[in-house]
């Protein structure tokens, strides 16, 4: 069963009783998304590369908050964004519409997202002149792509609830899709995850965590 929960910063998330976990941090869904994915991921990448176009792969699309904030940022900066989300169990349009996320971004992005959400579950759709979205409705272990990505947002449920999402079999294939100079970010940081990513050739960085977490992880694929 899925139920809405108000987090510490006033923004909503969803509690999945089957998994036993919220989709976002109880300390603040909006704060976590802005800090971990938009800040330590998207903004960090753009500051390093000065790119005018980029591709993002998100593991755990969920409510779409990470996408919405990224799309809003890229549209404002006039950066071309090609976004792919992996979500085995997509939420209904009705539930997406009840998140209240429209108050955190432009009305145009919100309207375009709701209008195109169902279509994005079946293929790539153009939300506006800067943003494309596709939601792949398969489990991570079944996901296949020939595309290479500049950024990977890893926003799966915690390893305590879904350990299979955090091992070599799941993470190895998606790291293979990361471009040289590309960045992997996640809210979690463990010794096993650091060793796994280092073993896959990435440079691992410990970054200050979002409220409620001391640290998070960012990893970069070397250019050479």
Protein backbone atom coordinates (compact mmCIF):
# COMPACT_ATOMS: atom_id res chain seq x y z
CA UNK A 1 0.00 0.00 0.00
CA UNK A 2 1.16 3.54 -0.80
CA UNK A 3 0.42 6.47 1.51
CA UNK A 4 1.47 10.11 1.46
CA UNK A 5 3.75 11.33 4.24
CA UNK A 6 4.74 14.93 5.01
CA UNK A 7 8.49 15.15 5.54
CA UNK A 8 10.50 17.45 7.79
CA UNK A 9 10.71 20.33 5.32
CA UNK A 10 6.98 20.26 4.58
CA UNK A 11 7.28 18.49 1.23
CA UNK A 12 5.50 15.20 0.59
CA UNK A 13 6.84 11.74 -0.03
CA UNK A 14 5.19 8.34 -0.26
CA UNK A 15 5.53 5.45 2.18
CA UNK A 16 5.60 2.01 0.56
CA UNK A 17 4.35 -0.43 3.18
CA UNK A 18 5.39 -3.46 1.12
CA UNK A 19 9.02 -2.34 1.09
CA UNK A 20 8.77 -0.65 4.49
CA UNK A 21 10.37 2.63 3.44
CA UNK A 22 9.64 6.15 2.23
CA UNK A 23 10.49 7.18 -1.31
CA UNK A 24 12.48 10.12 0.12
CA UNK A 25 14.15 11.15 3.36
CA UNK A 26 11.76 11.75 6.25
CA UNK A 27 13.87 14.81 7.08
CA UNK A 28 12.87 16.51 3.82
CA UNK A 29 12.03 15.14 0.39
CA UNK A 30 12.71 18.46 -1.35
CA UNK A 31 15.90 19.13 0.60
CA UNK A 32 17.27 15.69 -0.19
CA UNK A 33 16.54 15.94 -3.90
CA UNK A 34 18.03 19.42 -4.20
CA UNK A 35 21.14 18.55 -2.20
CA UNK A 36 22.01 15.04 -3.41
CA UNK A 37 20.88 15.00 -7.02
CA UNK A 38 20.54 18.58 -8.28
CA UNK A 39 23.36 20.04 -6.19
CA UNK A 40 26.00 17.31 -5.84
CA UNK A 41 25.07 15.79 -9.20
CA UNK A 42 23.63 18.08 -11.86
CA UNK A 43 25.09 21.42 -10.79
CA UNK A 44 28.47 19.86 -10.01
CA UNK A 45 28.60 18.28 -13.48
CA UNK A 46 27.58 21.49 -15.26
CA UNK A 47 30.14 23.55 -13.32
CA UNK A 48 32.88 21.11 -14.34
CA UNK A 49 31.91 20.69 -17.97
CA UNK A 50 30.05 23.86 -19.06
CA UNK A 51 27.90 21.44 -21.09
CA UNK A 52 24.91 22.75 -23.04
CA UNK A 53 23.34 19.31 -23.29
CA UNK A 54 23.41 16.25 -21.08
CA UNK A 55 21.81 12.89 -20.44
CA UNK A 56 20.69 11.56 -17.06
CA UNK A 57 19.77 8.03 -16.00
CA UNK A 58 17.80 7.74 -12.77
CA UNK A 59 17.43 4.46 -10.92
CA UNK A 60 14.17 4.74 -8.99
CA UNK A 61 12.09 7.39 -10.75
CA UNK A 62 9.37 7.21 -8.10
CA UNK A 63 7.40 10.43 -7.72
CA UNK A 64 9.45 12.24 -10.38
CA UNK A 65 10.81 14.87 -7.98
CA UNK A 66 14.43 14.51 -9.09
CA UNK A 67 13.39 14.81 -12.72
CA UNK A 68 11.13 17.80 -12.14
CA UNK A 69 13.82 19.79 -10.33
CA UNK A 70 16.43 18.83 -12.94
CA UNK A 71 14.13 19.74 -15.82
CA UNK A 72 13.27 23.05 -14.20
CA UNK A 73 16.96 23.87 -13.72
CA UNK A 74 17.92 22.88 -17.28
CA UNK A 75 15.02 24.76 -18.85
CA UNK A 76 15.93 27.90 -16.91
CA UNK A 77 19.58 27.59 -18.01
CA UNK A 78 18.59 26.59 -21.58
CA UNK A 79 20.42 23.26 -21.37
CA UNK A 80 19.22 20.29 -23.41
CA UNK A 81 18.24 17.44 -21.07
CA UNK A 82 17.63 13.85 -22.15
CA UNK A 83 16.31 12.02 -19.08
CA UNK A 84 15.69 8.30 -18.63
CA UNK A 85 14.11 6.98 -15.46
CA UNK A 86 13.96 3.32 -14.43
CA UNK A 87 10.82 2.50 -12.48
CA UNK A 88 9.48 -1.05 -12.30
CA UNK A 89 6.31 0.04 -10.51
CA UNK A 90 5.30 3.47 -11.84
CA UNK A 91 2.85 5.54 -9.82
CA UNK A 92 -0.53 6.47 -11.22
CA UNK A 93 -1.00 9.89 -12.77
CA UNK A 94 -3.52 10.63 -10.03
CA UNK A 95 -0.98 9.97 -7.28
CA UNK A 96 1.72 11.97 -9.08
CA UNK A 97 -0.71 14.90 -9.27
CA UNK A 98 -1.25 14.82 -5.51
CA UNK A 99 2.41 15.25 -4.55
CA UNK A 100 2.17 19.04 -4.46
CA UNK A 101 5.51 19.42 -6.23
CA UNK A 102 4.09 22.15 -8.46
CA UNK A 103 4.92 24.67 -5.70
CA UNK A 104 8.67 24.01 -6.09
CA UNK A 105 9.08 24.62 -9.84
CA UNK A 106 7.65 26.48 -12.80
CA UNK A 107 4.01 25.87 -13.62
CA UNK A 108 4.95 25.11 -17.22
CA UNK A 109 7.26 22.23 -16.25
CA UNK A 110 4.62 20.80 -13.92
CA UNK A 111 1.85 21.01 -16.53
CA UNK A 112 4.01 19.51 -19.27
CA UNK A 113 5.05 16.67 -16.96
CA UNK A 114 1.48 15.75 -16.02
CA UNK A 115 0.36 16.03 -19.65
CA UNK A 116 3.10 13.71 -20.90
CA UNK A 117 3.62 11.39 -17.92
CA UNK A 118 1.55 8.46 -19.24
CA UNK A 119 3.12 8.74 -22.70
CA UNK A 120 6.61 8.73 -21.18
CA UNK A 121 5.94 5.25 -19.77
CA UNK A 122 5.82 3.98 -23.35
CA UNK A 123 8.66 5.91 -24.98
CA UNK A 124 10.62 9.13 -25.13
CA UNK A 125 8.52 12.30 -25.13
CA UNK A 126 9.37 15.97 -25.53
CA UNK A 127 8.16 18.07 -22.61
CA UNK A 128 9.42 21.35 -24.01
CA UNK A 129 12.15 22.57 -26.34
CA UNK A 130 14.82 21.61 -23.77
CA UNK A 131 13.66 18.42 -22.02
CA UNK A 132 12.91 14.88 -23.11
CA UNK A 133 11.71 12.15 -20.74
CA UNK A 134 11.39 8.39 -20.93
CA UNK A 135 10.43 6.10 -18.03
CA UNK A 136 11.52 2.50 -18.51
CA UNK A 137 9.09 0.24 -16.64
CA UNK A 138 11.47 -2.62 -15.95
CA UNK A 139 13.41 -3.79 -12.94
CA UNK A 140 16.99 -2.57 -12.78
CA UNK A 141 18.39 -6.04 -13.37
CA UNK A 142 16.37 -6.25 -16.60
CA UNK A 143 17.30 -2.78 -17.90
CA UNK A 144 19.28 -2.64 -21.15
CA UNK A 145 20.45 0.40 -23.07
CA UNK A 146 22.91 1.32 -25.80
CA UNK A 147 22.89 4.94 -24.64
CA UNK A 148 25.71 6.47 -22.61
CA UNK A 149 24.90 8.90 -19.81
CA UNK A 150 26.59 11.94 -18.27
CA UNK A 151 24.90 11.49 -14.90
CA UNK A 152 23.45 8.60 -12.95
CA UNK A 153 21.06 9.40 -10.11
CA UNK A 154 20.95 6.27 -7.95
CA UNK A 155 17.82 6.69 -5.85
CA UNK A 156 16.82 3.11 -5.10
CA UNK A 157 15.36 2.03 -1.77
CA UNK A 158 17.99 1.49 0.94
CA UNK A 159 20.11 -1.65 0.98
CA UNK A 160 18.47 -2.72 4.24
CA UNK A 161 15.21 -3.16 2.33
CA UNK A 162 16.43 -4.05 -1.17
CA UNK A 163 20.01 -5.39 -0.91
CA UNK A 164 19.88 -6.78 -4.45
CA UNK A 165 19.84 -3.21 -5.81
CA UNK A 166 23.24 -2.37 -4.32
CA UNK A 167 25.45 -5.22 -5.49
CA UNK A 168 27.71 -5.84 -8.46
CA UNK A 169 24.96 -7.48 -10.53
CA UNK A 170 22.79 -4.37 -10.38
CA UNK A 171 25.30 -1.53 -10.26
CA UNK A 172 27.98 -2.92 -12.57
CA UNK A 173 25.90 -2.80 -15.77
CA UNK A 174 24.69 0.77 -15.22
CA UNK A 175 28.20 2.04 -14.42
CA UNK A 176 29.17 0.62 -17.83
CA UNK A 177 26.72 3.17 -19.31
CA UNK A 178 28.50 6.14 -17.69
CA UNK A 179 30.50 8.34 -20.05
CA UNK A 180 34.13 9.30 -19.31
CA UNK A 181 33.87 12.32 -17.01
CA UNK A 182 30.39 11.19 -16.00
CA UNK A 183 29.11 11.28 -12.43
CA UNK A 184 27.25 8.81 -10.22
CA UNK A 185 25.49 10.20 -7.14
CA UNK A 186 23.47 8.62 -4.36
CA UNK A 187 22.24 9.55 -0.89
CA UNK A 188 23.95 6.50 0.65
CA UNK A 189 27.55 5.80 1.53
CA UNK A 190 28.87 2.45 2.75
CA UNK A 191 32.20 0.69 2.68
CA UNK A 192 30.84 -1.97 0.34
CA UNK A 193 29.52 0.62 -2.11
CA UNK A 194 32.78 2.57 -2.11
CA UNK A 195 34.81 -0.59 -2.76
CA UNK A 196 32.44 -1.67 -5.53
CA UNK A 197 32.65 1.65 -7.36
CA UNK A 198 36.42 1.87 -6.96
CA UNK A 199 36.67 -1.65 -8.37
CA UNK A 200 34.67 -0.45 -11.38
CA UNK A 201 37.26 2.26 -12.02
CA UNK A 202 35.49 5.28 -10.52
CA UNK A 203 37.01 7.95 -8.31
CA UNK A 204 34.91 7.98 -5.13
CA UNK A 205 34.23 11.15 -3.15
CA UNK A 206 32.59 11.60 0.23
CA UNK A 207 30.30 14.63 0.20
CA UNK A 208 28.32 16.29 2.98
CA UNK A 209 24.96 14.62 3.21
CA UNK A 210 21.46 16.07 3.07
CA UNK A 211 19.75 16.89 6.40
CA UNK A 212 19.58 13.73 8.50
CA UNK A 213 22.69 12.18 6.90
CA UNK A 214 26.28 13.06 7.66
CA UNK A 215 27.66 12.01 4.29
CA UNK A 216 26.64 10.94 0.79
CA UNK A 217 28.58 9.50 -2.13
CA UNK A 218 29.64 10.90 -5.47
CA UNK A 219 31.80 8.98 -7.92
CA UNK A 220 33.41 10.18 -11.16
CA UNK A 221 34.52 8.14 -14.16
CA UNK A 222 38.00 9.39 -15.14
CA UNK A 223 38.33 10.88 -18.60
CA UNK A 224 41.60 9.05 -19.17
